[in-house]
Amino acid sequence: MYEAFNGRDLAALETVLAPDFVSHPLRTTGIGAVADAWSKMFAAHPDIQVTVEDMLVDGDRVAVRSVLRGLSNSVPAGAAPAPTMMEFFRVRHGLIAELWGLSSLGRPAG
């Protein structure tokens, strides 16, 4: 999923997400909702990239801590911590079926 995001490959979502994928943060169901959200993020932040810092897998559950870089409105590198995300996935038949997550994006540093 992160390779698809960083590569702006919306078509790859079909090979990564289950057709009935549920995004709890977006409160949406389906691949199209993710493609729309990503497209808006790419338009607002053309240089955005996700860097995975940690990934833990236990059966059909995955936890990922990542950092967002290249945000259009971010402060200069080193001036403040980059926004971080903590995401939890449930995998079904090799595809991501559900996502829960938190992000520090948009929160003041401190």
PDB file of N, CA and C in Angstrom:
ATOM      1  N   MET A   1       0.820  -1.185   0.000  1.00  0.00           N
ATOM      2  CA  MET A   1       0.000   0.000   0.000  1.00  0.00           C
ATOM      3  C   MET A   1       0.865   1.252   0.000  1.00  0.00           C
ATOM      4  N   TYR A   2       1.925   1.248   0.798  1.00  0.00           N
ATOM      5  CA  TYR A   2       2.777   2.438   0.867  1.00  0.00           C
ATOM      6  C   TYR A   2       3.553   2.635  -0.434  1.00  0.00           C
ATOM      7  N   GLU A   3       3.958   1.560  -1.077  1.00  0.00           N
ATOM      8  CA  GLU A   3       4.603   1.678  -2.395  1.00  0.00           C
ATOM      9  C   GLU A   3       3.640   2.294  -3.400  1.00  0.00           C
ATOM     10  N   ALA A   4       2.387   1.869  -3.362  1.00  0.00           N
ATOM     11  CA  ALA A   4       1.378   2.436  -4.265  1.00  0.00           C
ATOM     12  C   ALA A   4       1.186   3.923  -3.980  1.00  0.00           C
ATOM     13  N   PHE A   5       1.106   4.284  -2.702  1.00  0.00           N
ATOM     14  CA  PHE A   5       0.933   5.689  -2.334  1.00  0.00           C
ATOM     15  C   PHE A   5       2.113   6.518  -2.825  1.00  0.00           C
ATOM     16  N   ASN A   6       3.322   6.087  -2.492  1.00  0.00           N
ATOM     17  CA  ASN A   6       4.508   6.859  -2.873  1.00  0.00           C
ATOM     18  C   ASN A   6       4.700   6.923  -4.378  1.00  0.00           C
ATOM     19  N   GLY A   7       4.227   5.910  -5.093  1.00  0.00           N
ATOM     20  CA  GLY A   7       4.326   5.887  -6.550  1.00  0.00           C
ATOM     21  C   GLY A   7       3.131   6.492  -7.269  1.00  0.00           C
ATOM     22  N   ARG A   8       2.169   7.015  -6.490  1.00  0.00           N
ATOM     23  CA  ARG A   8       0.941   7.617  -7.067  1.00  0.00           C
ATOM     24  C   ARG A   8       0.200   6.619  -7.949  1.00  0.00           C
ATOM     25  N   ASP A   9       0.231   5.341  -7.565  1.00  0.00           N
ATOM     26  CA  ASP A   9      -0.335   4.253  -8.368  1.00  0.00           C
ATOM     27  C   ASP A   9      -1.718   3.877  -7.845  1.00  0.00           C
ATOM     28  N   LEU A  10      -2.724   4.635  -8.236  1.00  0.00           N
ATOM     29  CA  LEU A  10      -4.086   4.372  -7.777  1.00  0.00           C
ATOM     30  C   LEU A  10      -4.616   3.033  -8.284  1.00  0.00           C
ATOM     31  N   ALA A  11      -4.176   2.606  -9.453  1.00  0.00           N
ATOM     32  CA  ALA A  11      -4.619   1.315  -9.998  1.00  0.00           C
ATOM     33  C   ALA A  11      -4.174   0.158  -9.109  1.00  0.00           C
ATOM     34  N   ALA A  12      -3.048   0.312  -8.425  1.00  0.00           N
ATOM     35  CA  ALA A  12      -2.538  -0.752  -7.556  1.00  0.00           C
ATOM     36  C   ALA A  12      -3.452  -1.004  -6.362  1.00  0.00           C
ATOM     37  N   LEU A  13      -4.308  -0.059  -6.034  1.00  0.00           N
ATOM     38  CA  LEU A  13      -5.228  -0.266  -4.917  1.00  0.00           C
ATOM     39  C   LEU A  13      -6.087  -1.510  -5.130  1.00  0.00           C
ATOM     40  N   GLU A  14      -6.384  -1.834  -6.372  1.00  0.00           N
ATOM     41  CA  GLU A  14      -7.184  -3.027  -6.687  1.00  0.00           C
ATOM     42  C   GLU A  14      -6.464  -4.310  -6.289  1.00  0.00           C
ATOM     43  N   THR A  15      -5.142  -4.274  -6.224  1.00  0.00           N
ATOM     44  CA  THR A  15      -4.365  -5.474  -5.884  1.00  0.00           C
ATOM     45  C   THR A  15      -3.937  -5.504  -4.419  1.00  0.00           C
ATOM     46  N   VAL A  16      -4.245  -4.421  -3.696  1.00  0.00           N
ATOM     47  CA  VAL A  16      -3.829  -4.300  -2.301  1.00  0.00           C
ATOM     48  C   VAL A  16      -5.019  -4.334  -1.338  1.00  0.00           C
ATOM     49  N   LEU A  17      -6.112  -3.693  -1.738  1.00  0.00           N
ATOM     50  CA  LEU A  17      -7.284  -3.576  -0.869  1.00  0.00           C
ATOM     51  C   LEU A  17      -8.382  -4.546  -1.279  1.00  0.00           C
ATOM     52  N   ALA A  18      -9.093  -5.083  -0.294  1.00  0.00           N
ATOM     53  CA  ALA A  18     -10.261  -5.918  -0.564  1.00  0.00           C
ATOM     54  C   ALA A  18     -11.347  -5.046  -1.193  1.00  0.00           C
ATOM     55  N   PRO A  19     -12.179  -5.624  -2.061  1.00  0.00           N
ATOM     56  CA  PRO A  19     -13.233  -4.827  -2.703  1.00  0.00           C
ATOM     57  C   PRO A  19     -14.158  -4.127  -1.705  1.00  0.00           C
ATOM     58  N   ASP A  20     -14.376  -4.746  -0.552  1.00  0.00           N
ATOM     59  CA  ASP A  20     -15.242  -4.160   0.473  1.00  0.00           C
ATOM     60  C   ASP A  20     -14.427  -3.515   1.600  1.00  0.00           C
ATOM     61  N   PHE A  21     -13.230  -3.053   1.269  1.00  0.00           N
ATOM     62  CA  PHE A  21     -12.314  -2.426   2.229  1.00  0.00           C
ATOM     63  C   PHE A  21     -13.043  -1.366   3.053  1.00  0.00           C
ATOM     64  N   VAL A  22     -12.781  -1.359   4.367  1.00  0.00           N
ATOM     65  CA  VAL A  22     -13.370  -0.381   5.277  1.00  0.00           C
ATOM     66  C   VAL A  22     -12.264   0.481   5.869  1.00  0.00           C
ATOM     67  N   SER A  23     -12.375   1.791   5.671  1.00  0.00           N
ATOM     68  CA  SER A  23     -11.467   2.751   6.304  1.00  0.00           C
ATOM     69  C   SER A  23     -12.231   3.391   7.452  1.00  0.00           C
ATOM     70  N   HIS A  24     -11.872   3.017   8.665  1.00  0.00           N
ATOM     71  CA  HIS A  24     -12.548   3.589   9.821  1.00  0.00           C
ATOM     72  C   HIS A  24     -12.227   5.076   9.990  1.00  0.00           C
ATOM     73  N   PRO A  25     -10.980   5.534   9.738  1.00  0.00           N
ATOM     74  CA  PRO A  25     -10.713   6.975   9.849  1.00  0.00           C
ATOM     75  C   PRO A  25     -11.513   7.811   8.837  1.00  0.00           C
ATOM     76  N   LEU A  26     -11.642   7.299   7.609  1.00  0.00           N
ATOM     77  CA  LEU A  26     -12.383   8.032   6.585  1.00  0.00           C
ATOM     78  C   LEU A  26     -13.893   7.808   6.690  1.00  0.00           C
ATOM     79  N   ARG A  27     -14.273   6.770   7.451  1.00  0.00           N
ATOM     80  CA  ARG A  27     -15.680   6.369   7.569  1.00  0.00           C
ATOM     81  C   ARG A  27     -16.260   6.038   6.197  1.00  0.00           C
ATOM     82  N   THR A  28     -15.479   5.271   5.430  1.00  0.00           N
ATOM     83  CA  THR A  28     -15.897   4.902   4.074  1.00  0.00           C
ATOM     84  C   THR A  28     -15.686   3.411   3.848  1.00  0.00           C
ATOM     85  N   THR A  29     -16.319   2.931   2.801  1.00  0.00           N
ATOM     86  CA  THR A  29     -16.163   1.556   2.356  1.00  0.00           C
ATOM     87  C   THR A  29     -15.849   1.571   0.872  1.00  0.00           C
ATOM     88  N   GLY A  30     -14.930   0.716   0.456  1.00  0.00           N
ATOM     89  CA  GLY A  30     -14.620   0.574  -0.958  1.00  0.00           C
ATOM     90  C   GLY A  30     -13.328   1.243  -1.369  1.00  0.00           C
ATOM     91  N   ILE A  31     -12.795   0.741  -2.460  1.00  0.00           N
ATOM     92  CA  ILE A  31     -11.517   1.211  -2.986  1.00  0.00           C
ATOM     93  C   ILE A  31     -11.622   2.623  -3.539  1.00  0.00           C
ATOM     94  N   GLY A  32     -12.747   2.957  -4.146  1.00  0.00           N
ATOM     95  CA  GLY A  32     -12.922   4.279  -4.742  1.00  0.00           C
ATOM     96  C   GLY A  32     -12.761   5.419  -3.749  1.00  0.00           C
ATOM     97  N   ALA A  33     -13.231   5.210  -2.537  1.00  0.00           N
ATOM     98  CA  ALA A  33     -13.105   6.250  -1.512  1.00  0.00           C
ATOM     99  C   ALA A  33     -11.645   6.510  -1.169  1.00  0.00           C
ATOM    100  N   VAL A  34     -10.837   5.457  -1.142  1.00  0.00           N
ATOM    101  CA  VAL A  34      -9.408   5.606  -0.867  1.00  0.00           C
ATOM    102  C   VAL A  34      -8.734   6.332  -2.031  1.00  0.00           C
ATOM    103  N   ALA A  35      -9.054   5.932  -3.252  1.00  0.00           N
ATOM    104  CA  ALA A  35      -8.488   6.593  -4.438  1.00  0.00           C
ATOM    105  C   ALA A  35      -8.822   8.084  -4.439  1.00  0.00           C
ATOM    106  N   ASP A  36     -10.053   8.428  -4.074  1.00  0.00           N
ATOM    107  CA  ASP A  36     -10.446   9.841  -4.006  1.00  0.00           C
ATOM    108  C   ASP A  36      -9.651  10.585  -2.932  1.00  0.00           C
ATOM    109  N   ALA A  37      -9.518   9.977  -1.754  1.00  0.00           N
ATOM    110  CA  ALA A  37      -8.775  10.618  -0.660  1.00  0.00           C
ATOM    111  C   ALA A  37      -7.309  10.809  -1.040  1.00  0.00           C
ATOM    112  N   TRP A  38      -6.720   9.767  -1.642  1.00  0.00           N
ATOM    113  CA  TRP A  38      -5.320   9.887  -2.063  1.00  0.00           C
ATOM    114  C   TRP A  38      -5.168  10.971  -3.123  1.00  0.00           C
ATOM    115  N   SER A  39      -6.063  11.026  -4.096  1.00  0.00           N
ATOM    116  CA  SER A  39      -5.979  12.038  -5.157  1.00  0.00           C
ATOM    117  C   SER A  39      -6.010  13.444  -4.577  1.00  0.00           C
ATOM    118  N   LYS A  40      -6.859  13.668  -3.590  1.00  0.00           N
ATOM    119  CA  LYS A  40      -6.928  14.982  -2.941  1.00  0.00           C
ATOM    120  C   LYS A  40      -5.628  15.283  -2.193  1.00  0.00           C
ATOM    121  N   MET A  41      -5.070  14.273  -1.530  1.00  0.00           N
ATOM    122  CA  MET A  41      -3.813  14.458  -0.801  1.00  0.00           C
ATOM    123  C   MET A  41      -2.682  14.782  -1.775  1.00  0.00           C
ATOM    124  N   PHE A  42      -2.627  14.082  -2.916  1.00  0.00           N
ATOM    125  CA  PHE A  42      -1.580  14.338  -3.915  1.00  0.00           C
ATOM    126  C   PHE A  42      -1.716  15.743  -4.494  1.00  0.00           C
ATOM    127  N   ALA A  43      -2.946  16.203  -4.713  1.00  0.00           N
ATOM    128  CA  ALA A  43      -3.165  17.545  -5.253  1.00  0.00           C
ATOM    129  C   ALA A  43      -2.726  18.614  -4.254  1.00  0.00           C
ATOM    130  N   ALA A  44      -3.015  18.384  -2.976  1.00  0.00           N
ATOM    131  CA  ALA A  44      -2.656  19.365  -1.944  1.00  0.00           C
ATOM    132  C   ALA A  44      -1.168  19.322  -1.597  1.00  0.00           C
ATOM    133  N   HIS A  45      -0.560  18.153  -1.728  1.00  0.00           N
ATOM    134  CA  HIS A  45       0.841  17.962  -1.331  1.00  0.00           C
ATOM    135  C   HIS A  45       1.564  17.128  -2.398  1.00  0.00           C
ATOM    136  N   PRO A  46       1.957  17.736  -3.512  1.00  0.00           N
ATOM    137  CA  PRO A  46       2.537  16.979  -4.628  1.00  0.00           C
ATOM    138  C   PRO A  46       3.785  16.162  -4.287  1.00  0.00           C
ATOM    139  N   ASP A  47       4.510  16.541  -3.262  1.00  0.00           N
ATOM    140  CA  ASP A  47       5.748  15.840  -2.908  1.00  0.00           C
ATOM    141  C   ASP A  47       5.588  14.877  -1.736  1.00  0.00           C
ATOM    142  N   ILE A  48       4.378  14.646  -1.283  1.00  0.00           N
ATOM    143  CA  ILE A  48       4.158  13.815  -0.094  1.00  0.00           C
ATOM    144  C   ILE A  48       4.657  12.390  -0.312  1.00  0.00           C
ATOM    145  N   GLN A  49       5.294  11.853   0.722  1.00  0.00           N
ATOM    146  CA  GLN A  49       5.790  10.479   0.744  1.00  0.00           C
ATOM    147  C   GLN A  49       5.554   9.924   2.143  1.00  0.00           C
ATOM    148  N   VAL A  50       5.317   8.636   2.219  1.00  0.00           N
ATOM    149  CA  VAL A  50       5.186   7.952   3.504  1.00  0.00           C
ATOM    150  C   VAL A  50       6.425   7.084   3.690  1.00  0.00           C
ATOM    151  N   THR A  51       7.049   7.197   4.856  1.00  0.00           N
ATOM    152  CA  THR A  51       8.192   6.359   5.205  1.00  0.00           C
ATOM    153  C   THR A  51       7.782   5.479   6.375  1.00  0.00           C
ATOM    154  N   VAL A  52       7.817   4.172   6.170  1.00  0.00           N
ATOM    155  CA  VAL A  52       7.480   3.239   7.236  1.00  0.00           C
ATOM    156  C   VAL A  52       8.657   3.161   8.203  1.00  0.00           C
ATOM    157  N   GLU A  53       8.387   3.406   9.477  1.00  0.00           N
ATOM    158  CA  GLU A  53       9.399   3.338  10.519  1.00  0.00           C
ATOM    159  C   GLU A  53       9.380   1.976  11.210  1.00  0.00           C
ATOM    160  N   ASP A  54       8.189   1.464  11.482  1.00  0.00           N
ATOM    161  CA  ASP A  54       8.035   0.169  12.159  1.00  0.00           C
ATOM    162  C   ASP A  54       6.826  -0.554  11.596  1.00  0.00           C
ATOM    163  N   MET A  55       6.935  -1.879  11.466  1.00  0.00           N
ATOM    164  CA  MET A  55       5.808  -2.700  11.040  1.00  0.00           C
ATOM    165  C   MET A  55       5.834  -3.989  11.854  1.00  0.00           C
ATOM    166  N   LEU A  56       4.715  -4.287  12.496  1.00  0.00           N
ATOM    167  CA  LEU A  56       4.572  -5.499  13.285  1.00  0.00           C
ATOM    168  C   LEU A  56       3.417  -6.310  12.717  1.00  0.00           C
ATOM    169  N   VAL A  57       3.628  -7.607  12.548  1.00  0.00           N
ATOM    170  CA  VAL A  57       2.611  -8.487  11.982  1.00  0.00           C
ATOM    171  C   VAL A  57       2.333  -9.607  12.968  1.00  0.00           C
ATOM    172  N   ASP A  58       1.050  -9.857  13.203  1.00  0.00           N
ATOM    173  CA  ASP A  58       0.621 -10.958  14.058  1.00  0.00           C
ATOM    174  C   ASP A  58      -0.627 -11.566  13.434  1.00  0.00           C
ATOM    175  N   GLY A  59      -0.448 -12.686  12.745  1.00  0.00           N
ATOM    176  CA  GLY A  59      -1.577 -13.327  12.073  1.00  0.00           C
ATOM    177  C   GLY A  59      -2.139 -12.425  10.993  1.00  0.00           C
ATOM    178  N   ASP A  60      -3.420 -12.079  11.119  1.00  0.00           N
ATOM    179  CA  ASP A  60      -4.068 -11.238  10.112  1.00  0.00           C
ATOM    180  C   ASP A  60      -4.082  -9.764  10.501  1.00  0.00           C
ATOM    181  N   ARG A  61      -3.308  -9.405  11.514  1.00  0.00           N
ATOM    182  CA  ARG A  61      -3.244  -8.016  11.990  1.00  0.00           C
ATOM    183  C   ARG A  61      -1.863  -7.427  11.727  1.00  0.00           C
ATOM    184  N   VAL A  62      -1.857  -6.156  11.315  1.00  0.00           N
ATOM    185  CA  VAL A  62      -0.601  -5.457  11.032  1.00  0.00           C
ATOM    186  C   VAL A  62      -0.677  -4.076  11.679  1.00  0.00           C
ATOM    187  N   ALA A  63       0.390  -3.678  12.347  1.00  0.00           N
ATOM    188  CA  ALA A  63       0.502  -2.346  12.926  1.00  0.00           C
ATOM    189  C   ALA A  63       1.680  -1.647  12.260  1.00  0.00           C
ATOM    190  N   VAL A  64       1.473  -0.408  11.838  1.00  0.00           N
ATOM    191  CA  VAL A  64       2.508   0.345  11.127  1.00  0.00           C
ATOM    192  C   VAL A  64       2.622   1.746  11.721  1.00  0.00           C
ATOM    193  N   ARG A  65       3.852   2.124  12.045  1.00  0.00           N
ATOM    194  CA  ARG A  65       4.158   3.505  12.433  1.00  0.00           C
ATOM    195  C   ARG A  65       4.940   4.107  11.287  1.00  0.00           C
ATOM    196  N   SER A  66       4.451   5.234  10.777  1.00  0.00           N
ATOM    197  CA  SER A  66       5.100   5.849   9.623  1.00  0.00           C
ATOM    198  C   SER A  66       5.196   7.358   9.802  1.00  0.00           C
ATOM    199  N   VAL A  67       6.006   7.971   8.932  1.00  0.00           N
ATOM    200  CA  VAL A  67       6.236   9.412   8.943  1.00  0.00           C
ATOM    201  C   VAL A  67       5.847   9.969   7.580  1.00  0.00           C
ATOM    202  N   LEU A  68       5.197  11.115   7.590  1.00  0.00           N
ATOM    203  CA  LEU A  68       4.832  11.816   6.350  1.00  0.00           C
ATOM    204  C   LEU A  68       5.885  12.868   6.054  1.00  0.00           C
ATOM    205  N   ARG A  69       6.373  12.862   4.840  1.00  0.00           N
ATOM    206  CA  ARG A  69       7.370  13.854   4.415  1.00  0.00           C
ATOM    207  C   ARG A  69       6.874  14.525   3.127  1.00  0.00           C
ATOM    208  N   GLY A  70       7.405  15.707   2.873  1.00  0.00           N
ATOM    209  CA  GLY A  70       7.070  16.408   1.638  1.00  0.00           C
ATOM    210  C   GLY A  70       5.737  17.119   1.656  1.00  0.00           C
ATOM    211  N   LEU A  71       5.250  17.465   2.830  1.00  0.00           N
ATOM    212  CA  LEU A  71       3.992  18.196   2.918  1.00  0.00           C
ATOM    213  C   LEU A  71       4.206  19.637   2.477  1.00  0.00           C
ATOM    214  N   SER A  72       3.314  20.165   1.689  1.00  0.00           N
ATOM    215  CA  SER A  72       3.450  21.517   1.147  1.00  0.00           C
ATOM    216  C   SER A  72       3.497  22.578   2.225  1.00  0.00           C
ATOM    217  N   ASN A  73       2.787  22.361   3.325  1.00  0.00           N
ATOM    218  CA  ASN A  73       2.714  23.378   4.379  1.00  0.00           C
ATOM    219  C   ASN A  73       3.569  23.015   5.593  1.00  0.00           C
ATOM    220  N   SER A  74       4.495  22.080   5.421  1.00  0.00           N
ATOM    221  CA  SER A  74       5.305  21.661   6.566  1.00  0.00           C
ATOM    222  C   SER A  74       6.432  22.658   6.826  1.00  0.00           C
ATOM    223  N   VAL A  75       6.956  22.589   8.014  1.00  0.00           N
ATOM    224  CA  VAL A  75       8.076  23.466   8.383  1.00  0.00           C
ATOM    225  C   VAL A  75       9.359  22.892   7.802  1.00  0.00           C
ATOM    226  N   PRO A  76      10.426  23.681   7.733  1.00  0.00           N
ATOM    227  CA  PRO A  76      11.694  23.182   7.184  1.00  0.00           C
ATOM    228  C   PRO A  76      12.177  21.928   7.906  1.00  0.00           C
ATOM    229  N   ALA A  77      12.897  21.111   7.183  1.00  0.00           N
ATOM    230  CA  ALA A  77      13.423  19.860   7.741  1.00  0.00           C
ATOM    231  C   ALA A  77      14.223  20.145   9.005  1.00  0.00           C
ATOM    232  N   GLY A  78      13.975  19.371  10.042  1.00  0.00           N
ATOM    233  CA  GLY A  78      14.687  19.506  11.296  1.00  0.00           C
ATOM    234  C   GLY A  78      14.095  20.520  12.253  1.00  0.00           C
ATOM    235  N   ALA A  79      13.180  21.363  11.802  1.00  0.00           N
ATOM    236  CA  ALA A  79      12.617  22.395  12.670  1.00  0.00           C
ATOM    237  C   ALA A  79      11.584  21.829  13.637  1.00  0.00           C
ATOM    238  N   ALA A  80      10.897  20.800  13.238  1.00  0.00           N
ATOM    239  CA  ALA A  80       9.888  20.168  14.086  1.00  0.00           C
ATOM    240  C   ALA A  80       9.719  18.733  13.606  1.00  0.00           C
ATOM    241  N   PRO A  81       9.205  17.875  14.451  1.00  0.00           N
ATOM    242  CA  PRO A  81       9.004  16.488  14.005  1.00  0.00           C
ATOM    243  C   PRO A  81       8.044  16.421  12.826  1.00  0.00           C
ATOM    244  N   ALA A  82       8.337  15.519  11.899  1.00  0.00           N
ATOM    245  CA  ALA A  82       7.428  15.294  10.772  1.00  0.00           C
ATOM    246  C   ALA A  82       6.158  14.641  11.306  1.00  0.00           C
ATOM    247  N   PRO A  83       5.014  14.911  10.674  1.00  0.00           N
ATOM    248  CA  PRO A  83       3.779  14.270  11.114  1.00  0.00           C
ATOM    249  C   PRO A  83       3.913  12.749  11.052  1.00  0.00           C
ATOM    250  N   THR A  84       3.386  12.095  12.063  1.00  0.00           N
ATOM    251  CA  THR A  84       3.453  10.635  12.128  1.00  0.00           C
ATOM    252  C   THR A  84       2.057  10.034  12.042  1.00  0.00           C
ATOM    253  N   MET A  85       2.023   8.774  11.630  1.00  0.00           N
ATOM    254  CA  MET A  85       0.770   8.023  11.576  1.00  0.00           C
ATOM    255  C   MET A  85       0.975   6.695  12.284  1.00  0.00           C
ATOM    256  N   MET A  86      -0.071   6.227  12.907  1.00  0.00           N
ATOM    257  CA  MET A  86      -0.105   4.885  13.471  1.00  0.00           C
ATOM    258  C   MET A  86      -1.336   4.226  12.878  1.00  0.00           C
ATOM    259  N   GLU A  87      -1.114   3.165  12.108  1.00  0.00           N
ATOM    260  CA  GLU A  87      -2.216   2.502  11.427  1.00  0.00           C
ATOM    261  C   GLU A  87      -2.250   1.026  11.798  1.00  0.00           C
ATOM    262  N   PHE A  88      -3.463   0.505  11.875  1.00  0.00           N
ATOM    263  CA  PHE A  88      -3.690  -0.900  12.173  1.00  0.00           C
ATOM    264  C   PHE A  88      -4.548  -1.475  11.058  1.00  0.00           C
ATOM    265  N   PHE A  89      -4.128  -2.617  10.532  1.00  0.00           N
ATOM    266  CA  PHE A  89      -4.818  -3.245   9.414  1.00  0.00           C
ATOM    267  C   PHE A  89      -5.276  -4.643   9.789  1.00  0.00           C
ATOM    268  N   ARG A  90      -6.361  -5.058   9.174  1.00  0.00           N
ATOM    269  CA  ARG A  90      -6.771  -6.463   9.206  1.00  0.00           C
ATOM    270  C   ARG A  90      -6.689  -6.961   7.780  1.00  0.00           C
ATOM    271  N   VAL A  91      -5.980  -8.058   7.584  1.00  0.00           N
ATOM    272  CA  VAL A  91      -5.773  -8.630   6.252  1.00  0.00           C
ATOM    273  C   VAL A  91      -6.662  -9.855   6.096  1.00  0.00           C
ATOM    274  N   ARG A  92      -7.270  -9.978   4.922  1.00  0.00           N
ATOM    275  CA  ARG A  92      -8.123 -11.122   4.609  1.00  0.00           C
ATOM    276  C   ARG A  92      -7.774 -11.608   3.209  1.00  0.00           C
ATOM    277  N   HIS A  93      -7.399 -12.865   3.077  1.00  0.00           N
ATOM    278  CA  HIS A  93      -7.041 -13.466   1.785  1.00  0.00           C
ATOM    279  C   HIS A  93      -5.965 -12.655   1.061  1.00  0.00           C
ATOM    280  N   GLY A  94      -4.995 -12.145   1.827  1.00  0.00           N
ATOM    281  CA  GLY A  94      -3.879 -11.417   1.241  1.00  0.00           C
ATOM    282  C   GLY A  94      -4.165  -9.976   0.866  1.00  0.00           C
ATOM    283  N   LEU A  95      -5.367  -9.475   1.172  1.00  0.00           N
ATOM    284  CA  LEU A  95      -5.734  -8.091   0.867  1.00  0.00           C
ATOM    285  C   LEU A  95      -6.090  -7.358   2.152  1.00  0.00           C
ATOM    286  N   ILE A  96      -5.849  -6.065   2.172  1.00  0.00           N
ATOM    287  CA  ILE A  96      -6.205  -5.269   3.349  1.00  0.00           C
ATOM    288  C   ILE A  96      -7.718  -5.104   3.373  1.00  0.00           C
ATOM    289  N   ALA A  97      -8.337  -5.575   4.453  1.00  0.00           N
ATOM    290  CA  ALA A  97      -9.790  -5.529   4.563  1.00  0.00           C
ATOM    291  C   ALA A  97     -10.282  -4.350   5.400  1.00  0.00           C
ATOM    292  N   GLU A  98      -9.491  -3.984   6.422  1.00  0.00           N
ATOM    293  CA  GLU A  98      -9.894  -2.887   7.303  1.00  0.00           C
ATOM    294  C   GLU A  98      -8.678  -2.089   7.732  1.00  0.00           C
ATOM    295  N   LEU A  99      -8.919  -0.812   8.008  1.00  0.00           N
ATOM    296  CA  LEU A  99      -7.878   0.098   8.478  1.00  0.00           C
ATOM    297  C   LEU A  99      -8.429   0.956   9.608  1.00  0.00           C
ATOM    298  N   TRP A 100      -7.645   1.044  10.676  1.00  0.00           N
ATOM    299  CA  TRP A 100      -7.875   1.998  11.758  1.00  0.00           C
ATOM    300  C   TRP A 100      -6.607   2.825  11.833  1.00  0.00           C
ATOM    301  N   GLY A 101      -6.697   4.086  12.200  1.00  0.00           N
ATOM    302  CA  GLY A 101      -5.472   4.856  12.283  1.00  0.00           C
ATOM    303  C   GLY A 101      -5.623   6.195  12.963  1.00  0.00           C
ATOM    304  N   LEU A 102      -4.472   6.708  13.384  1.00  0.00           N
ATOM    305  CA  LEU A 102      -4.346   8.029  13.988  1.00  0.00           C
ATOM    306  C   LEU A 102      -3.192   8.748  13.310  1.00  0.00           C
ATOM    307  N   SER A 103      -3.296  10.076  13.236  1.00  0.00           N
ATOM    308  CA  SER A 103      -2.246  10.865  12.614  1.00  0.00           C
ATOM    309  C   SER A 103      -2.044  12.148  13.397  1.00  0.00           C
ATOM    310  N   SER A 104      -0.812  12.617  13.424  1.00  0.00           N
ATOM    311  CA  SER A 104      -0.527  13.914  14.037  1.00  0.00           C
ATOM    312  C   SER A 104      -0.629  15.044  12.996  1.00  0.00           C
ATOM    313  N   LEU A 105      -1.000  14.710  11.773  1.00  0.00           N
ATOM    314  CA  LEU A 105      -1.129  15.692  10.705  1.00  0.00           C
ATOM    315  C   LEU A 105      -2.136  16.777  11.109  1.00  0.00           C
ATOM    316  N   GLY A 106      -1.707  18.007  11.005  1.00  0.00           N
ATOM    317  CA  GLY A 106      -2.592  19.108  11.315  1.00  0.00           C
ATOM    318  C   GLY A 106      -2.583  19.520  12.782  1.00  0.00           C
ATOM    319  N   ARG A 107      -1.875  18.770  13.610  1.00  0.00           N
ATOM    320  CA  ARG A 107      -1.781  19.123  15.021  1.00  0.00           C
ATOM    321  C   ARG A 107      -0.536  19.970  15.247  1.00  0.00           C
ATOM    322  N   PRO A 108      -0.608  20.931  16.138  1.00  0.00           N
ATOM    323  CA  PRO A 108       0.586  21.732  16.411  1.00  0.00           C
ATOM    324  C   PRO A 108       1.681  20.892  17.038  1.00  0.00           C
ATOM    325  N   ALA A 109       2.912  21.195  16.687  1.00  0.00           N
ATOM    326  CA  ALA A 109       4.058  20.470  17.273  1.00  0.00           C
ATOM    327  C   ALA A 109       4.142  20.817  18.750  1.00  0.00           C
ATOM    328  N   GLY A 110       4.596  19.857  19.526  1.00  0.00           N
ATOM    329  CA  GLY A 110       4.748  20.164  20.933  1.00  0.00           C
ATOM    330  C   GLY A 110       4.604  18.986  21.723  1.00  0.00           C
TER     331      GLY A 110
END
